[in-house]
Amino acid sequence: MLKMNYHAAMQIRKTERLLLAIGLTLLAFWVLARVHGSIASREAIERFRADAVASLGTSAPAWAGSVPDSAADFTLWNPKRVKAYRDSLSAKTDLPLAILRIPKINLEVPVFNDTDDLTLNRGVGRILGTAQIGQPGNLGIAGHRDGFFRGLKDVGRNDVVELIRPGGTDQYVITQVQIVKPEDVYVLDSTPSPTLTLVTCFPFYFVGDAPKRYVVTASLERSTQPGDSVANNSISTGKKTNNKEKTR
């Protein structure tokens, strides 16, 4: 009986060691995927900056000093989304249209054109049919709730959203956060004044296809152009400003 118990205990220990080894291996892959995703996101943003500098014919655009070198917080991501992000990087390499920043949640993410799976796995995307970046109207941008747009759950009225484009920076202030049904596409209707609408699925931690949409609406407060002074630029404060120096 003692011999049998000893044999059973040894088998249990072997099983525990095997499970521990598997767990550590999976954890290592998970960490590597997040590190890789963070680096790749920075590379896309740096490519955008380099292209913007070249197009402006100057060594440093006005917004360069106001954009911190902060990477997205991948710790909130679903592990499957991290893997999808990594896989998408080799499939699409087009240049971002802009950079979306929300200082309050430390978000800095490249904005691409379209909202197909490959695009939303490596950044956020302009919703086709909505306003073009830098143009009047309602600009819709979508992102995954278990990826870059996970942090939207922590934003609220009067928080600042920045859209950095080659021709300057548009600063928006959040005016409304609402939860709607997928068929409530009126949130993307054209508007007479420049508007930014961020869309993701809801609930954020829902298992399976989320049944609703989380919509953040922001109004343009001011725009800075390449000739504007960085010293007068308040886009990175994370607080609402009454300075309407170049509001469109």
C-alpha atoms as a PDB file:
ATOM      1  CA  MET A   1       0.000   0.000   0.000  1.00  0.00           C
ATOM      2  CA  LEU A   2       2.852   2.375   0.896  1.00  0.00           C
ATOM      3  CA  LYS A   3       4.587   1.573  -2.385  1.00  0.00           C
ATOM      4  CA  MET A   4       1.428   2.358  -4.350  1.00  0.00           C
ATOM      5  CA  ASN A   5       0.971   5.684  -2.554  1.00  0.00           C
ATOM      6  CA  TYR A   6       4.598   6.609  -3.295  1.00  0.00           C
ATOM      7  CA  HIS A   7       4.140   5.751  -6.978  1.00  0.00           C
ATOM      8  CA  ALA A   8       0.935   7.830  -7.140  1.00  0.00           C
ATOM      9  CA  ALA A   9       2.666  10.779  -5.451  1.00  0.00           C
ATOM     10  CA  MET A  10       5.520  10.625  -7.981  1.00  0.00           C
ATOM     11  CA  GLN A  11       3.066  10.594 -10.877  1.00  0.00           C
ATOM     12  CA  ILE A  12       1.289  13.630  -9.445  1.00  0.00           C
ATOM     13  CA  ARG A  13       4.599  15.502  -9.109  1.00  0.00           C
ATOM     14  CA  LYS A  14       5.553  14.675 -12.695  1.00  0.00           C
ATOM     15  CA  THR A  15       2.169  15.907 -13.897  1.00  0.00           C
ATOM     16  CA  GLU A  16       2.521  19.111 -11.868  1.00  0.00           C
ATOM     17  CA  ARG A  17       5.986  19.756 -13.320  1.00  0.00           C
ATOM     18  CA  LEU A  18       4.725  19.164 -16.843  1.00  0.00           C
ATOM     19  CA  LEU A  19       1.796  21.539 -16.348  1.00  0.00           C
ATOM     20  CA  LEU A  20       4.133  24.142 -14.848  1.00  0.00           C
ATOM     21  CA  ALA A  21       6.474  23.864 -17.834  1.00  0.00           C
ATOM     22  CA  ILE A  22       3.559  24.260 -20.258  1.00  0.00           C
ATOM     23  CA  GLY A  23       2.261  27.240 -18.303  1.00  0.00           C
ATOM     24  CA  LEU A  24       5.651  28.967 -18.297  1.00  0.00           C
ATOM     25  CA  THR A  25       6.039  28.353 -22.030  1.00  0.00           C
ATOM     26  CA  LEU A  26       2.622  29.865 -22.777  1.00  0.00           C
ATOM     27  CA  LEU A  27       3.392  32.809 -20.514  1.00  0.00           C
ATOM     28  CA  ALA A  28       6.677  33.411 -22.350  1.00  0.00           C
ATOM     29  CA  PHE A  29       4.887  33.428 -25.735  1.00  0.00           C
ATOM     30  CA  TRP A  30       2.236  35.792 -24.325  1.00  0.00           C
ATOM     31  CA  VAL A  31       4.868  38.240 -23.038  1.00  0.00           C
ATOM     32  CA  LEU A  32       6.830  38.101 -26.309  1.00  0.00           C
ATOM     33  CA  ALA A  33       3.652  38.772 -28.311  1.00  0.00           C
ATOM     34  CA  ARG A  34       2.883  41.850 -26.232  1.00  0.00           C
ATOM     35  CA  VAL A  35       6.414  43.196 -26.494  1.00  0.00           C
ATOM     36  CA  HIS A  36       6.417  42.576 -30.251  1.00  0.00           C
ATOM     37  CA  GLY A  37       3.043  44.286 -30.618  1.00  0.00           C
ATOM     38  CA  SER A  38       4.201  47.323 -28.687  1.00  0.00           C
ATOM     39  CA  ILE A  39       7.349  47.679 -30.804  1.00  0.00           C
ATOM     40  CA  ALA A  40       5.439  47.226 -34.069  1.00  0.00           C
ATOM     41  CA  SER A  41       2.886  49.843 -33.090  1.00  0.00           C
ATOM     42  CA  ARG A  42       5.691  52.304 -32.378  1.00  0.00           C
ATOM     43  CA  GLU A  43       7.258  51.513 -35.754  1.00  0.00           C
ATOM     44  CA  ALA A  44       4.017  52.387 -37.579  1.00  0.00           C
ATOM     45  CA  ILE A  45       3.789  55.664 -35.681  1.00  0.00           C
ATOM     46  CA  GLU A  46       7.437  56.507 -36.376  1.00  0.00           C
ATOM     47  CA  ARG A  47       6.901  55.792 -40.083  1.00  0.00           C
ATOM     48  CA  PHE A  48       3.989  58.224 -40.034  1.00  0.00           C
ATOM     49  CA  ARG A  49       6.114  60.875 -38.345  1.00  0.00           C
ATOM     50  CA  ALA A  50       8.982  60.415 -40.779  1.00  0.00           C
ATOM     51  CA  ASP A  51       6.615  60.715 -43.744  1.00  0.00           C
ATOM     52  CA  ALA A  52       5.032  63.837 -42.237  1.00  0.00           C
ATOM     53  CA  VAL A  53       8.427  65.448 -41.766  1.00  0.00           C
ATOM     54  CA  ALA A  54       9.391  64.684 -45.365  1.00  0.00           C
ATOM     55  CA  SER A  55       6.133  66.040 -46.764  1.00  0.00           C
ATOM     56  CA  LEU A  56       6.500  69.274 -44.793  1.00  0.00           C
ATOM     57  CA  GLY A  57      10.096  69.714 -45.884  1.00  0.00           C
ATOM     58  CA  THR A  58      11.245  70.453 -42.345  1.00  0.00           C
ATOM     59  CA  SER A  59      13.247  68.638 -39.703  1.00  0.00           C
ATOM     60  CA  ALA A  60      10.571  68.850 -37.009  1.00  0.00           C
ATOM     61  CA  PRO A  61       6.839  69.496 -37.451  1.00  0.00           C
ATOM     62  CA  ALA A  62       5.127  71.654 -34.838  1.00  0.00           C
ATOM     63  CA  TRP A  63       3.534  68.711 -33.076  1.00  0.00           C
ATOM     64  CA  ALA A  64       6.694  66.626 -32.709  1.00  0.00           C
ATOM     65  CA  GLY A  65       7.593  67.951 -29.277  1.00  0.00           C
ATOM     66  CA  SER A  66       4.076  67.447 -27.920  1.00  0.00           C
ATOM     67  CA  VAL A  67       3.793  63.725 -28.582  1.00  0.00           C
ATOM     68  CA  PRO A  68       5.369  61.598 -25.828  1.00  0.00           C
ATOM     69  CA  ASP A  69       7.134  58.319 -26.575  1.00  0.00           C
ATOM     70  CA  SER A  70       4.493  56.214 -24.829  1.00  0.00           C
ATOM     71  CA  ALA A  71       3.479  52.768 -26.048  1.00  0.00           C
ATOM     72  CA  ALA A  72      -0.045  51.362 -25.879  1.00  0.00           C
ATOM     73  CA  ASP A  73      -0.911  49.450 -22.715  1.00  0.00           C
ATOM     74  CA  PHE A  74      -1.151  45.877 -23.975  1.00  0.00           C
ATOM     75  CA  THR A  75      -1.799  44.515 -20.467  1.00  0.00           C
ATOM     76  CA  LEU A  76      -5.531  45.107 -20.957  1.00  0.00           C
ATOM     77  CA  TRP A  77      -5.674  43.128 -24.191  1.00  0.00           C
ATOM     78  CA  ASN A  78      -7.212  39.741 -24.776  1.00  0.00           C
ATOM     79  CA  PRO A  79      -4.329  37.295 -25.541  1.00  0.00           C
ATOM     80  CA  LYS A  80      -6.067  36.208 -28.767  1.00  0.00           C
ATOM     81  CA  ARG A  81      -6.184  39.841 -29.880  1.00  0.00           C
ATOM     82  CA  VAL A  82      -2.453  40.201 -29.228  1.00  0.00           C
ATOM     83  CA  LYS A  83      -1.777  37.202 -31.476  1.00  0.00           C
ATOM     84  CA  ALA A  84      -4.097  38.569 -34.183  1.00  0.00           C
ATOM     85  CA  TYR A  85      -2.285  41.891 -33.974  1.00  0.00           C
ATOM     86  CA  ARG A  86       1.088  40.223 -34.411  1.00  0.00           C
ATOM     87  CA  ASP A  87      -0.116  38.141 -37.376  1.00  0.00           C
ATOM     88  CA  SER A  88      -1.623  41.186 -39.111  1.00  0.00           C
ATOM     89  CA  LEU A  89       1.658  43.100 -39.191  1.00  0.00           C
ATOM     90  CA  SER A  90       3.152  40.954 -41.913  1.00  0.00           C
ATOM     91  CA  ALA A  91      -0.032  41.043 -44.003  1.00  0.00           C
ATOM     92  CA  LYS A  92      -0.511  44.824 -44.275  1.00  0.00           C
ATOM     93  CA  THR A  93       2.158  47.521 -44.241  1.00  0.00           C
ATOM     94  CA  ASP A  94       0.391  50.648 -45.507  1.00  0.00           C
ATOM     95  CA  LEU A  95       1.200  53.983 -43.883  1.00  0.00           C
ATOM     96  CA  PRO A  96      -1.190  55.302 -41.195  1.00  0.00           C
ATOM     97  CA  LEU A  97      -3.444  58.242 -42.075  1.00  0.00           C
ATOM     98  CA  ALA A  98      -2.964  59.811 -38.657  1.00  0.00           C
ATOM     99  CA  ILE A  99      -2.229  59.134 -35.003  1.00  0.00           C
ATOM    100  CA  LEU A 100      -5.042  59.050 -32.448  1.00  0.00           C
ATOM    101  CA  ARG A 101      -4.111  60.079 -28.905  1.00  0.00           C
ATOM    102  CA  ILE A 102      -6.151  60.131 -25.701  1.00  0.00           C
ATOM    103  CA  PRO A 103      -3.874  61.416 -22.905  1.00  0.00           C
ATOM    104  CA  LYS A 104      -6.174  60.336 -20.074  1.00  0.00           C
ATOM    105  CA  ILE A 105      -5.829  56.627 -20.900  1.00  0.00           C
ATOM    106  CA  ASN A 106      -2.287  56.845 -22.301  1.00  0.00           C
ATOM    107  CA  LEU A 107      -3.458  55.783 -25.755  1.00  0.00           C
ATOM    108  CA  GLU A 108      -1.417  56.508 -28.859  1.00  0.00           C
ATOM    109  CA  VAL A 109      -2.420  54.409 -31.866  1.00  0.00           C
ATOM    110  CA  PRO A 110      -2.021  54.614 -35.663  1.00  0.00           C
ATOM    111  CA  VAL A 111      -5.193  55.278 -37.652  1.00  0.00           C
ATOM    112  CA  PHE A 112      -5.537  53.352 -40.916  1.00  0.00           C
ATOM    113  CA  ASN A 113      -8.160  53.521 -43.652  1.00  0.00           C
ATOM    114  CA  ASP A 114     -10.995  50.939 -43.455  1.00  0.00           C
ATOM    115  CA  THR A 115     -12.193  48.653 -40.676  1.00  0.00           C
ATOM    116  CA  ASP A 116     -11.432  45.157 -41.977  1.00  0.00           C
ATOM    117  CA  ASP A 117     -10.073  42.570 -39.539  1.00  0.00           C
ATOM    118  CA  LEU A 118      -6.429  42.980 -40.568  1.00  0.00           C
ATOM    119  CA  THR A 119      -6.638  46.748 -40.122  1.00  0.00           C
ATOM    120  CA  LEU A 120      -8.286  46.633 -36.700  1.00  0.00           C
ATOM    121  CA  ASN A 121      -5.855  43.977 -35.506  1.00  0.00           C
ATOM    122  CA  ARG A 122      -2.912  46.365 -35.908  1.00  0.00           C
ATOM    123  CA  GLY A 123      -4.481  49.737 -35.125  1.00  0.00           C
ATOM    124  CA  VAL A 124      -7.788  51.566 -35.420  1.00  0.00           C
ATOM    125  CA  GLY A 125      -9.557  52.401 -38.662  1.00  0.00           C
ATOM    126  CA  ARG A 126     -11.491  55.182 -40.342  1.00  0.00           C
ATOM    127  CA  ILE A 127     -15.024  54.008 -41.011  1.00  0.00           C
ATOM    128  CA  LEU A 128     -15.582  54.228 -44.756  1.00  0.00           C
ATOM    129  CA  GLY A 129     -18.336  56.662 -45.702  1.00  0.00           C
ATOM    130  CA  THR A 130     -17.572  59.030 -42.833  1.00  0.00           C
ATOM    131  CA  ALA A 131     -15.612  62.279 -43.136  1.00  0.00           C
ATOM    132  CA  GLN A 132     -12.010  62.241 -44.323  1.00  0.00           C
ATOM    133  CA  ILE A 133      -9.310  63.086 -41.797  1.00  0.00           C
ATOM    134  CA  GLY A 134      -8.761  66.836 -41.709  1.00  0.00           C
ATOM    135  CA  GLN A 135     -12.086  67.568 -43.445  1.00  0.00           C
ATOM    136  CA  PRO A 136     -15.391  68.922 -42.045  1.00  0.00           C
ATOM    137  CA  GLY A 137     -18.095  66.496 -41.002  1.00  0.00           C
ATOM    138  CA  ASN A 138     -18.371  63.441 -38.772  1.00  0.00           C
ATOM    139  CA  LEU A 139     -15.206  61.315 -38.764  1.00  0.00           C
ATOM    140  CA  GLY A 140     -15.872  57.787 -37.517  1.00  0.00           C
ATOM    141  CA  ILE A 141     -13.035  55.650 -36.151  1.00  0.00           C
ATOM    142  CA  ALA A 142     -13.507  52.049 -35.016  1.00  0.00           C
ATOM    143  CA  GLY A 143     -11.347  49.812 -32.846  1.00  0.00           C
ATOM    144  CA  HIS A 144     -11.543  46.478 -31.044  1.00  0.00           C
ATOM    145  CA  ARG A 145     -12.937  46.457 -27.494  1.00  0.00           C
ATOM    146  CA  ASP A 146     -10.344  43.862 -26.458  1.00  0.00           C
ATOM    147  CA  GLY A 147      -7.491  45.732 -28.138  1.00  0.00           C
ATOM    148  CA  PHE A 148      -6.609  49.387 -28.606  1.00  0.00           C
ATOM    149  CA  PHE A 149     -10.077  50.657 -27.647  1.00  0.00           C
ATOM    150  CA  ARG A 150     -10.315  48.743 -24.360  1.00  0.00           C
ATOM    151  CA  GLY A 151      -9.418  51.931 -22.489  1.00  0.00           C
ATOM    152  CA  LEU A 152     -12.430  53.831 -23.861  1.00  0.00           C
ATOM    153  CA  LYS A 153     -14.350  52.484 -20.871  1.00  0.00           C
ATOM    154  CA  ASP A 154     -12.440  54.991 -18.732  1.00  0.00           C
ATOM    155  CA  VAL A 155     -13.053  58.197 -20.710  1.00  0.00           C
ATOM    156  CA  GLY A 156     -15.780  60.733 -20.089  1.00  0.00           C
ATOM    157  CA  ARG A 157     -17.124  64.184 -20.902  1.00  0.00           C
ATOM    158  CA  ASN A 158     -14.533  66.964 -21.334  1.00  0.00           C
ATOM    159  CA  ASP A 159     -11.646  64.532 -21.857  1.00  0.00           C
ATOM    160  CA  VAL A 160      -9.327  65.481 -24.700  1.00  0.00           C
ATOM    161  CA  VAL A 161      -8.839  63.441 -27.881  1.00  0.00           C
ATOM    162  CA  GLU A 162      -6.085  64.408 -30.319  1.00  0.00           C
ATOM    163  CA  LEU A 163      -5.819  63.505 -33.981  1.00  0.00           C
ATOM    164  CA  ILE A 164      -2.326  64.133 -35.324  1.00  0.00           C
ATOM    165  CA  ARG A 165      -2.194  64.335 -39.107  1.00  0.00           C
ATOM    166  CA  PRO A 166       0.553  65.393 -41.551  1.00  0.00           C
ATOM    167  CA  GLY A 167      -0.932  68.882 -41.869  1.00  0.00           C
ATOM    168  CA  GLY A 168      -1.315  69.581 -38.157  1.00  0.00           C
ATOM    169  CA  THR A 169      -3.166  68.444 -35.047  1.00  0.00           C
ATOM    170  CA  ASP A 170      -6.896  68.496 -34.342  1.00  0.00           C
ATOM    171  CA  GLN A 171      -7.920  68.631 -30.700  1.00  0.00           C
ATOM    172  CA  TYR A 172     -11.367  67.341 -29.802  1.00  0.00           C
ATOM    173  CA  VAL A 173     -13.242  67.378 -26.499  1.00  0.00           C
ATOM    174  CA  ILE A 174     -15.595  64.538 -25.590  1.00  0.00           C
ATOM    175  CA  THR A 175     -19.204  65.691 -25.372  1.00  0.00           C
ATOM    176  CA  GLN A 176     -21.076  62.398 -25.057  1.00  0.00           C
ATOM    177  CA  VAL A 177     -20.593  58.710 -24.270  1.00  0.00           C
ATOM    178  CA  GLN A 178     -23.462  56.390 -25.092  1.00  0.00           C
ATOM    179  CA  ILE A 179     -24.327  52.726 -25.561  1.00  0.00           C
ATOM    180  CA  VAL A 180     -26.404  51.931 -28.639  1.00  0.00           C
ATOM    181  CA  LYS A 181     -27.586  48.988 -30.725  1.00  0.00           C
ATOM    182  CA  PRO A 182     -25.614  47.939 -33.838  1.00  0.00           C
ATOM    183  CA  GLU A 183     -28.409  49.212 -36.073  1.00  0.00           C
ATOM    184  CA  ASP A 184     -28.225  52.709 -34.552  1.00  0.00           C
ATOM    185  CA  VAL A 185     -26.005  54.001 -37.348  1.00  0.00           C
ATOM    186  CA  TYR A 186     -27.316  57.523 -36.863  1.00  0.00           C
ATOM    187  CA  VAL A 187     -24.296  58.100 -34.611  1.00  0.00           C
ATOM    188  CA  LEU A 188     -22.240  58.277 -37.826  1.00  0.00           C
ATOM    189  CA  ASP A 189     -24.559  60.716 -39.625  1.00  0.00           C
ATOM    190  CA  SER A 190     -22.897  63.738 -41.185  1.00  0.00           C
ATOM    191  CA  THR A 191     -22.654  66.774 -38.919  1.00  0.00           C
ATOM    192  CA  PRO A 192     -22.416  70.485 -39.796  1.00  0.00           C
ATOM    193  CA  SER A 193     -19.492  70.984 -37.420  1.00  0.00           C
ATOM    194  CA  PRO A 194     -16.302  68.859 -37.254  1.00  0.00           C
ATOM    195  CA  THR A 195     -17.014  65.822 -35.082  1.00  0.00           C
ATOM    196  CA  LEU A 196     -15.052  62.723 -34.080  1.00  0.00           C
ATOM    197  CA  THR A 197     -16.961  59.528 -33.296  1.00  0.00           C
ATOM    198  CA  LEU A 198     -15.125  56.571 -31.749  1.00  0.00           C
ATOM    199  CA  VAL A 199     -16.906  53.222 -31.943  1.00  0.00           C
ATOM    200  CA  THR A 200     -16.233  49.860 -30.325  1.00  0.00           C
ATOM    201  CA  CYS A 201     -18.249  46.853 -29.203  1.00  0.00           C
ATOM    202  CA  PHE A 202     -19.889  46.603 -25.778  1.00  0.00           C
ATOM    203  CA  PRO A 203     -19.728  45.153 -23.137  1.00  0.00           C
ATOM    204  CA  PHE A 204     -15.941  45.311 -23.069  1.00  0.00           C
ATOM    205  CA  TYR A 205     -15.497  41.922 -21.385  1.00  0.00           C
ATOM    206  CA  PHE A 206     -18.359  40.097 -23.086  1.00  0.00           C
ATOM    207  CA  VAL A 207     -17.618  36.524 -24.219  1.00  0.00           C
ATOM    208  CA  GLY A 208     -18.501  36.107 -27.898  1.00  0.00           C
ATOM    209  CA  ASP A 209     -19.983  38.704 -30.246  1.00  0.00           C
ATOM    210  CA  ALA A 210     -20.879  41.749 -28.154  1.00  0.00           C
ATOM    211  CA  PRO A 211     -24.530  42.781 -28.639  1.00  0.00           C
ATOM    212  CA  LYS A 212     -24.134  46.560 -28.365  1.00  0.00           C
ATOM    213  CA  ARG A 213     -21.883  49.436 -29.392  1.00  0.00           C
ATOM    214  CA  TYR A 214     -19.980  51.885 -27.184  1.00  0.00           C
ATOM    215  CA  VAL A 215     -19.865  55.292 -28.838  1.00  0.00           C
ATOM    216  CA  VAL A 216     -17.731  58.269 -27.834  1.00  0.00           C
ATOM    217  CA  THR A 217     -18.585  61.577 -29.513  1.00  0.00           C
ATOM    218  CA  ALA A 218     -16.201  64.529 -29.481  1.00  0.00           C
ATOM    219  CA  SER A 219     -16.377  68.034 -30.939  1.00  0.00           C
ATOM    220  CA  LEU A 220     -13.449  69.859 -32.488  1.00  0.00           C
ATOM    221  CA  GLU A 221     -12.128  72.567 -30.185  1.00  0.00           C
ATOM    222  CA  ARG A 222      -9.061  73.759 -32.069  1.00  0.00           C
ATOM    223  CA  SER A 223      -6.580  72.884 -34.791  1.00  0.00           C
ATOM    224  CA  THR A 224      -2.899  73.657 -34.971  1.00  0.00           C
ATOM    225  CA  GLN A 225      -1.064  73.986 -38.260  1.00  0.00           C
ATOM    226  CA  PRO A 226       2.630  73.426 -39.077  1.00  0.00           C
ATOM    227  CA  GLY A 227       3.430  77.090 -38.496  1.00  0.00           C
ATOM    228  CA  ASP A 228       1.956  77.200 -34.987  1.00  0.00           C
ATOM    229  CA  SER A 229       4.304  77.466 -32.030  1.00  0.00           C
ATOM    230  CA  VAL A 230       4.673  74.400 -29.817  1.00  0.00           C
ATOM    231  CA  ALA A 231       4.867  76.693 -26.809  1.00  0.00           C
ATOM    232  CA  ASN A 232       1.287  77.802 -27.466  1.00  0.00           C
ATOM    233  CA  ASN A 233       0.075  74.276 -28.068  1.00  0.00           C
ATOM    234  CA  SER A 234      -1.970  72.866 -25.192  1.00  0.00           C
ATOM    235  CA  ILE A 235      -3.041  69.613 -26.838  1.00  0.00           C
ATOM    236  CA  SER A 236      -1.176  67.330 -24.437  1.00  0.00           C
ATOM    237  CA  THR A 237      -2.563  68.632 -21.155  1.00  0.00           C
ATOM    238  CA  GLY A 238      -5.420  66.141 -21.058  1.00  0.00           C
ATOM    239  CA  LYS A 239      -7.707  68.955 -19.910  1.00  0.00           C
ATOM    240  CA  LYS A 240     -10.188  71.069 -21.768  1.00  0.00           C
ATOM    241  CA  THR A 241      -8.870  74.429 -22.908  1.00  0.00           C
ATOM    242  CA  ASN A 242     -10.746  77.573 -23.805  1.00  0.00           C
ATOM    243  CA  ASN A 243      -8.053  78.679 -26.228  1.00  0.00           C
ATOM    244  CA  LYS A 244      -9.801  78.575 -29.616  1.00  0.00           C
ATOM    245  CA  GLU A 245      -6.845  80.021 -31.513  1.00  0.00           C
ATOM    246  CA  LYS A 246      -7.526  78.088 -34.711  1.00  0.00           C
ATOM    247  CA  THR A 247     -10.890  76.403 -34.331  1.00  0.00           C
ATOM    248  CA  ARG A 248     -12.433  75.375 -37.614  1.00  0.00           C
END
